Protein backbone atom coordinates (compact mmCIF):
# COMPACT_ATOMS: atom_id res chain seq x y z
CA MET A 1 0.00 0.00 0.00
CA SER A 2 1.42 3.42 -0.94
CA HIS A 3 2.05 6.13 1.64
CA SER A 4 -0.80 8.29 0.34
CA SER A 5 -3.17 5.32 0.50
CA GLN A 6 -2.16 4.75 4.12
CA VAL A 7 -2.84 8.40 4.97
CA VAL A 8 -6.25 8.25 3.28
CA GLN A 9 -7.11 5.04 5.13
CA LYS A 10 -6.11 6.55 8.48
CA LEU A 11 -8.19 9.65 7.75
CA TRP A 12 -11.25 7.54 6.94
CA ASN A 13 -10.73 5.57 10.15
CA TYR A 14 -10.68 8.84 12.11
CA CYS A 15 -13.81 9.97 10.26
CA ASN A 16 -15.63 6.82 11.30
CA VAL A 17 -14.60 7.22 14.94
CA LEU A 18 -15.68 10.86 15.07
CA ARG A 19 -18.97 10.15 13.31
CA ASP A 20 -19.73 7.24 15.61
CA ASP A 21 -19.12 9.49 18.65
CA GLY A 22 -22.02 11.68 17.51
CA MET A 23 -20.03 14.86 17.00
CA SER A 24 -21.67 17.89 15.43
CA TYR A 25 -20.65 18.86 11.89
CA GLY A 26 -18.60 21.84 13.07
CA ASP A 27 -16.71 19.77 15.65
CA TYR A 28 -16.19 17.04 13.07
CA VAL A 29 -14.60 19.44 10.57
CA GLU A 30 -12.48 21.07 13.28
CA GLN A 31 -11.08 17.73 14.44
CA LEU A 32 -10.35 16.52 10.91
CA THR A 33 -8.56 19.79 10.13
CA TYR A 34 -6.44 19.40 13.25
CA LEU A 35 -5.57 15.80 12.39
CA LEU A 36 -4.58 16.71 8.82
CA GLN A 37 -2.39 19.59 10.01
CA HIS A 38 -0.74 17.30 12.54
CA ALA A 39 -0.07 14.67 9.87
CA PHE A 40 1.44 17.23 7.49
CA ARG A 41 3.72 18.61 10.21
CA ARG A 42 4.98 15.13 10.99
CA GLU A 43 5.84 14.64 7.31
CA MET A 44 8.10 17.72 7.24
């Protein structure tokens, strides 16, 4: 599996966890944005 495929899979896993926790749309977007920023910083 390529690196980008792994990142996409991890993001979808996080999406499922957040959705299953019953988060509001705004909270959901905020958390996903934070996770993406964190992932990009780790890549640098």
